[in-house]
Amino acid sequence: MKATELRAKDKPALDKELQDLLRAQFSLRMQKGTQQLTNTSQIRKVRRDIARVRTLLTEKGQTK
């Protein structure tokens, strides 16, 4: 997911996106723990997306 796509979203949409990404991260961690995850690079991508969303939420919170 690109930062430009995220910048177009409003705060409630970013909150929902963050919750979805956190659920996906939990699911990937569980799959890794049970040896079911074949593509471990997905974890890194989700973590970076979470960081992008949190950064934008912080930016939007400061520029009220």
PDB file of N, CA and C in Angstrom:
ATOM      1  N   MET A   1       0.847  -1.169   0.000  1.00  0.00           N
ATOM      2  CA  MET A   1       0.000   0.000   0.000  1.00  0.00           C
ATOM      3  C   MET A   1       0.894   1.235   0.000  1.00  0.00           C
ATOM      4  N   LYS A   2       0.557   2.182  -0.848  1.00  0.00           N
ATOM      5  CA  LYS A   2       1.381   3.380  -0.975  1.00  0.00           C
ATOM      6  C   LYS A   2       0.888   4.475  -0.050  1.00  0.00           C
ATOM      7  N   ALA A   3       1.808   5.344   0.349  1.00  0.00           N
ATOM      8  CA  ALA A   3       1.468   6.443   1.244  1.00  0.00           C
ATOM      9  C   ALA A   3       0.499   7.411   0.573  1.00  0.00           C
ATOM     10  N   THR A   4       0.590   7.571  -0.741  1.00  0.00           N
ATOM     11  CA  THR A   4      -0.321   8.492  -1.436  1.00  0.00           C
ATOM     12  C   THR A   4      -1.756   7.990  -1.357  1.00  0.00           C
ATOM     13  N   GLU A   5      -1.943   6.689  -1.403  1.00  0.00           N
ATOM     14  CA  GLU A   5      -3.290   6.116  -1.264  1.00  0.00           C
ATOM     15  C   GLU A   5      -3.827   6.374   0.137  1.00  0.00           C
ATOM     16  N   LEU A   6      -2.952   6.250   1.127  1.00  0.00           N
ATOM     17  CA  LEU A   6      -3.373   6.439   2.508  1.00  0.00           C
ATOM     18  C   LEU A   6      -3.659   7.903   2.826  1.00  0.00           C
ATOM     19  N   ARG A   7      -2.904   8.812   2.216  1.00  0.00           N
ATOM     20  CA  ARG A   7      -3.119  10.237   2.476  1.00  0.00           C
ATOM     21  C   ARG A   7      -4.491  10.701   2.017  1.00  0.00           C
ATOM     22  N   ALA A   8      -5.064  10.022   1.041  1.00  0.00           N
ATOM     23  CA  ALA A   8      -6.377  10.400   0.526  1.00  0.00           C
ATOM     24  C   ALA A   8      -7.501  10.002   1.489  1.00  0.00           C
ATOM     25  N   LYS A   9      -7.209   9.119   2.428  1.00  0.00           N
ATOM     26  CA  LYS A   9      -8.235   8.633   3.352  1.00  0.00           C
ATOM     27  C   LYS A   9      -8.373   9.573   4.541  1.00  0.00           C
ATOM     28  N   ASP A  10      -9.577   9.577   5.131  1.00  0.00           N
ATOM     29  CA  ASP A  10      -9.795  10.393   6.321  1.00  0.00           C
ATOM     30  C   ASP A  10      -9.436   9.577   7.574  1.00  0.00           C
ATOM     31  N   LYS A  11      -9.511  10.226   8.726  1.00  0.00           N
ATOM     32  CA  LYS A  11      -9.066   9.602   9.979  1.00  0.00           C
ATOM     33  C   LYS A  11      -9.824   8.315  10.328  1.00  0.00           C
ATOM     34  N   PRO A  12     -11.181   8.274  10.231  1.00  0.00           N
ATOM     35  CA  PRO A  12     -11.867   7.007  10.538  1.00  0.00           C
ATOM     36  C   PRO A  12     -11.480   5.865   9.591  1.00  0.00           C
ATOM     37  N   ALA A  13     -11.243   6.188   8.335  1.00  0.00           N
ATOM     38  CA  ALA A  13     -10.834   5.154   7.378  1.00  0.00           C
ATOM     39  C   ALA A  13      -9.437   4.643   7.723  1.00  0.00           C
ATOM     40  N   LEU A  14      -8.567   5.536   8.168  1.00  0.00           N
ATOM     41  CA  LEU A  14      -7.222   5.113   8.572  1.00  0.00           C
ATOM     42  C   LEU A  14      -7.277   4.264   9.838  1.00  0.00           C
ATOM     43  N   ASP A  15      -8.179   4.611  10.759  1.00  0.00           N
ATOM     44  CA  ASP A  15      -8.338   3.799  11.970  1.00  0.00           C
ATOM     45  C   ASP A  15      -8.776   2.383  11.612  1.00  0.00           C
ATOM     46  N   LYS A  16      -9.720   2.269  10.684  1.00  0.00           N
ATOM     47  CA  LYS A  16     -10.202   0.955  10.254  1.00  0.00           C
ATOM     48  C   LYS A  16      -9.082   0.180   9.558  1.00  0.00           C
ATOM     49  N   GLU A  17      -8.327   0.866   8.719  1.00  0.00           N
ATOM     50  CA  GLU A  17      -7.206   0.238   8.022  1.00  0.00           C
ATOM     51  C   GLU A  17      -6.173  -0.281   9.024  1.00  0.00           C
ATOM     52  N   LEU A  18      -5.911   0.498  10.066  1.00  0.00           N
ATOM     53  CA  LEU A  18      -4.963   0.078  11.098  1.00  0.00           C
ATOM     54  C   LEU A  18      -5.459  -1.175  11.802  1.00  0.00           C
ATOM     55  N   GLN A  19      -6.733  -1.225  12.152  1.00  0.00           N
ATOM     56  CA  GLN A  19      -7.284  -2.409  12.817  1.00  0.00           C
ATOM     57  C   GLN A  19      -7.178  -3.643  11.922  1.00  0.00           C
ATOM     58  N   ASP A  20      -7.466  -3.468  10.627  1.00  0.00           N
ATOM     59  CA  ASP A  20      -7.359  -4.588   9.682  1.00  0.00           C
ATOM     60  C   ASP A  20      -5.919  -5.086   9.581  1.00  0.00           C
ATOM     61  N   LEU A  21      -4.979  -4.151   9.539  1.00  0.00           N
ATOM     62  CA  LEU A  21      -3.566  -4.539   9.441  1.00  0.00           C
ATOM     63  C   LEU A  21      -3.088  -5.230  10.712  1.00  0.00           C
ATOM     64  N   LEU A  22      -3.548  -4.773  11.862  1.00  0.00           N
ATOM     65  CA  LEU A  22      -3.151  -5.425  13.119  1.00  0.00           C
ATOM     66  C   LEU A  22      -3.704  -6.837  13.198  1.00  0.00           C
ATOM     67  N   ARG A  23      -4.922  -7.037  12.707  1.00  0.00           N
ATOM     68  CA  ARG A  23      -5.489  -8.398  12.660  1.00  0.00           C
ATOM     69  C   ARG A  23      -4.691  -9.281  11.709  1.00  0.00           C
ATOM     70  N   ALA A  24      -4.313  -8.721  10.558  1.00  0.00           N
ATOM     71  CA  ALA A  24      -3.521  -9.477   9.591  1.00  0.00           C
ATOM     72  C   ALA A  24      -2.164  -9.850  10.188  1.00  0.00           C
ATOM     73  N   GLN A  25      -1.560  -8.916  10.925  1.00  0.00           N
ATOM     74  CA  GLN A  25      -0.276  -9.201  11.558  1.00  0.00           C
ATOM     75  C   GLN A  25      -0.410 -10.330  12.575  1.00  0.00           C
ATOM     76  N   PHE A  26      -1.469 -10.290  13.371  1.00  0.00           N
ATOM     77  CA  PHE A  26      -1.688 -11.351  14.357  1.00  0.00           C
ATOM     78  C   PHE A  26      -1.847 -12.697  13.657  1.00  0.00           C
ATOM     79  N   SER A  27      -2.633 -12.709  12.590  1.00  0.00           N
ATOM     80  CA  SER A  27      -2.856 -13.946  11.846  1.00  0.00           C
ATOM     81  C   SER A  27      -1.547 -14.495  11.279  1.00  0.00           C
ATOM     82  N   LEU A  28      -0.731 -13.606  10.725  1.00  0.00           N
ATOM     83  CA  LEU A  28       0.555 -14.049  10.175  1.00  0.00           C
ATOM     84  C   LEU A  28       1.478 -14.581  11.261  1.00  0.00           C
ATOM     85  N   ARG A  29       1.463 -13.941  12.439  1.00  0.00           N
ATOM     86  CA  ARG A  29       2.289 -14.432  13.544  1.00  0.00           C
ATOM     87  C   ARG A  29       1.850 -15.820  13.981  1.00  0.00           C
ATOM     88  N   MET A  30       0.555 -16.053  14.021  1.00  0.00           N
ATOM     89  CA  MET A  30       0.046 -17.366  14.416  1.00  0.00           C
ATOM     90  C   MET A  30       0.422 -18.419  13.373  1.00  0.00           C
ATOM     91  N   GLN A  31       0.324 -18.049  12.105  1.00  0.00           N
ATOM     92  CA  GLN A  31       0.707 -18.988  11.044  1.00  0.00           C
ATOM     93  C   GLN A  31       2.194 -19.320  11.131  1.00  0.00           C
ATOM     94  N   LYS A  32       2.999 -18.311  11.428  1.00  0.00           N
ATOM     95  CA  LYS A  32       4.439 -18.560  11.558  1.00  0.00           C
ATOM     96  C   LYS A  32       4.717 -19.483  12.742  1.00  0.00           C
ATOM     97  N   GLY A  33       3.997 -19.264  13.830  1.00  0.00           N
ATOM     98  CA  GLY A  33       4.209 -20.073  15.026  1.00  0.00           C
ATOM     99  C   GLY A  33       3.816 -21.522  14.846  1.00  0.00           C
ATOM    100  N   THR A  34       2.840 -21.770  13.967  1.00  0.00           N
ATOM    101  CA  THR A  34       2.387 -23.147  13.728  1.00  0.00           C
ATOM    102  C   THR A  34       2.990 -23.739  12.458  1.00  0.00           C
ATOM    103  N   GLN A  35       4.040 -23.073  11.942  1.00  0.00           N
ATOM    104  CA  GLN A  35       4.759 -23.578  10.761  1.00  0.00           C
ATOM    105  C   GLN A  35       3.893 -23.632   9.505  1.00  0.00           C
ATOM    106  N   GLN A  36       2.870 -22.788   9.404  1.00  0.00           N
ATOM    107  CA  GLN A  36       2.004 -22.798   8.229  1.00  0.00           C
ATOM    108  C   GLN A  36       2.307 -21.666   7.257  1.00  0.00           C
ATOM    109  N   LEU A  37       3.154 -20.736   7.638  1.00  0.00           N
ATOM    110  CA  LEU A  37       3.452 -19.579   6.804  1.00  0.00           C
ATOM    111  C   LEU A  37       4.613 -19.910   5.876  1.00  0.00           C
ATOM    112  N   THR A  38       4.353 -19.821   4.567  1.00  0.00           N
ATOM    113  CA  THR A  38       5.407 -20.128   3.609  1.00  0.00           C
ATOM    114  C   THR A  38       6.135 -18.867   3.159  1.00  0.00           C
ATOM    115  N   ASN A  39       5.423 -17.743   3.040  1.00  0.00           N
ATOM    116  CA  ASN A  39       6.032 -16.505   2.578  1.00  0.00           C
ATOM    117  C   ASN A  39       6.201 -15.555   3.777  1.00  0.00           C
ATOM    118  N   THR A  40       7.364 -15.625   4.408  1.00  0.00           N
ATOM    119  CA  THR A  40       7.583 -14.848   5.621  1.00  0.00           C
ATOM    120  C   THR A  40       7.775 -13.360   5.345  1.00  0.00           C
ATOM    121  N   SER A  41       7.962 -12.974   4.092  1.00  0.00           N
ATOM    122  CA  SER A  41       8.127 -11.549   3.779  1.00  0.00           C
ATOM    123  C   SER A  41       6.821 -10.783   3.960  1.00  0.00           C
ATOM    124  N   GLN A  42       5.708 -11.481   4.049  1.00  0.00           N
ATOM    125  CA  GLN A  42       4.421 -10.827   4.281  1.00  0.00           C
ATOM    126  C   GLN A  42       4.412 -10.111   5.625  1.00  0.00           C
ATOM    127  N   ILE A  43       5.066 -10.684   6.619  1.00  0.00           N
ATOM    128  CA  ILE A  43       5.103 -10.077   7.957  1.00  0.00           C
ATOM    129  C   ILE A  43       5.765  -8.707   7.875  1.00  0.00           C
ATOM    130  N   ARG A  44       6.865  -8.622   7.153  1.00  0.00           N
ATOM    131  CA  ARG A  44       7.587  -7.357   7.012  1.00  0.00           C
ATOM    132  C   ARG A  44       6.741  -6.315   6.292  1.00  0.00           C
ATOM    133  N   LYS A  45       6.037  -6.720   5.250  1.00  0.00           N
ATOM    134  CA  LYS A  45       5.192  -5.789   4.499  1.00  0.00           C
ATOM    135  C   LYS A  45       4.063  -5.238   5.369  1.00  0.00           C
ATOM    136  N   VAL A  46       3.454  -6.107   6.157  1.00  0.00           N
ATOM    137  CA  VAL A  46       2.353  -5.672   7.022  1.00  0.00           C
ATOM    138  C   VAL A  46       2.871  -4.729   8.105  1.00  0.00           C
ATOM    139  N   ARG A  47       4.044  -5.031   8.666  1.00  0.00           N
ATOM    140  CA  ARG A  47       4.617  -4.152   9.694  1.00  0.00           C
ATOM    141  C   ARG A  47       4.896  -2.763   9.139  1.00  0.00           C
ATOM    142  N   ARG A  48       5.397  -2.700   7.922  1.00  0.00           N
ATOM    143  CA  ARG A  48       5.681  -1.404   7.304  1.00  0.00           C
ATOM    144  C   ARG A  48       4.394  -0.640   7.001  1.00  0.00           C
ATOM    145  N   ASP A  49       3.359  -1.358   6.559  1.00  0.00           N
ATOM    146  CA  ASP A  49       2.070  -0.711   6.310  1.00  0.00           C
ATOM    147  C   ASP A  49       1.492  -0.146   7.607  1.00  0.00           C
ATOM    148  N   ILE A  50       1.641  -0.898   8.704  1.00  0.00           N
ATOM    149  CA  ILE A  50       1.170  -0.419  10.009  1.00  0.00           C
ATOM    150  C   ILE A  50       1.906   0.865  10.375  1.00  0.00           C
ATOM    151  N   ALA A  51       3.202   0.902  10.148  1.00  0.00           N
ATOM    152  CA  ALA A  51       3.992   2.094  10.459  1.00  0.00           C
ATOM    153  C   ALA A  51       3.542   3.281   9.611  1.00  0.00           C
ATOM    154  N   ARG A  52       3.245   3.028   8.330  1.00  0.00           N
ATOM    155  CA  ARG A  52       2.772   4.109   7.463  1.00  0.00           C
ATOM    156  C   ARG A  52       1.455   4.683   7.971  1.00  0.00           C
ATOM    157  N   VAL A  53       0.529   3.816   8.327  1.00  0.00           N
ATOM    158  CA  VAL A  53      -0.776   4.272   8.793  1.00  0.00           C
ATOM    159  C   VAL A  53      -0.636   5.038  10.099  1.00  0.00           C
ATOM    160  N   ARG A  54       0.169   4.532  11.017  1.00  0.00           N
ATOM    161  CA  ARG A  54       0.352   5.223  12.303  1.00  0.00           C
ATOM    162  C   ARG A  54       1.009   6.586  12.104  1.00  0.00           C
ATOM    163  N   THR A  55       1.934   6.684  11.171  1.00  0.00           N
ATOM    164  CA  THR A  55       2.580   7.963  10.881  1.00  0.00           C
ATOM    165  C   THR A  55       1.562   8.969  10.351  1.00  0.00           C
ATOM    166  N   LEU A  56       0.718   8.530   9.436  1.00  0.00           N
ATOM    167  CA  LEU A  56      -0.292   9.432   8.875  1.00  0.00           C
ATOM    168  C   LEU A  56      -1.329   9.832   9.917  1.00  0.00           C
ATOM    169  N   LEU A  57      -1.689   8.912  10.802  1.00  0.00           N
ATOM    170  CA  LEU A  57      -2.618   9.268  11.865  1.00  0.00           C
ATOM    171  C   LEU A  57      -2.016  10.335  12.773  1.00  0.00           C
ATOM    172  N   THR A  58      -0.737  10.230  13.054  1.00  0.00           N
ATOM    173  CA  THR A  58      -0.060  11.234  13.863  1.00  0.00           C
ATOM    174  C   THR A  58      -0.034  12.575  13.133  1.00  0.00           C
ATOM    175  N   GLU A  59       0.262  12.549  11.848  1.00  0.00           N
ATOM    176  CA  GLU A  59       0.290  13.792  11.071  1.00  0.00           C
ATOM    177  C   GLU A  59      -1.090  14.453  11.042  1.00  0.00           C
ATOM    178  N   LYS A  60      -2.121  13.659  10.824  1.00  0.00           N
ATOM    179  CA  LYS A  60      -3.459  14.218  10.747  1.00  0.00           C
ATOM    180  C   LYS A  60      -3.928  14.724  12.098  1.00  0.00           C
ATOM    181  N   GLY A  61      -3.452  14.122  13.172  1.00  0.00           N
ATOM    182  CA  GLY A  61      -3.805  14.559  14.501  1.00  0.00           C
ATOM    183  C   GLY A  61      -3.181  15.899  14.865  1.00  0.00           C
ATOM    184  N   GLN A  62      -2.014  16.171  14.328  1.00  0.00           N
ATOM    185  CA  GLN A  62      -1.305  17.401  14.649  1.00  0.00           C
ATOM    186  C   GLN A  62      -1.777  18.570  13.805  1.00  0.00           C
ATOM    187  N   THR A  63      -2.318  18.318  12.632  1.00  0.00           N
ATOM    188  CA  THR A  63      -2.716  19.396  11.729  1.00  0.00           C
ATOM    189  C   THR A  63      -4.216  19.556  11.716  1.00  0.00           C
ATOM    190  N   LYS A  64      -4.781  19.821  12.866  1.00  0.00           N
ATOM    191  CA  LYS A  64      -6.241  19.951  12.970  1.00  0.00           C
ATOM    192  C   LYS A  64      -6.722  21.248  12.413  1.00  0.00           C
TER     193      LYS A  64
END
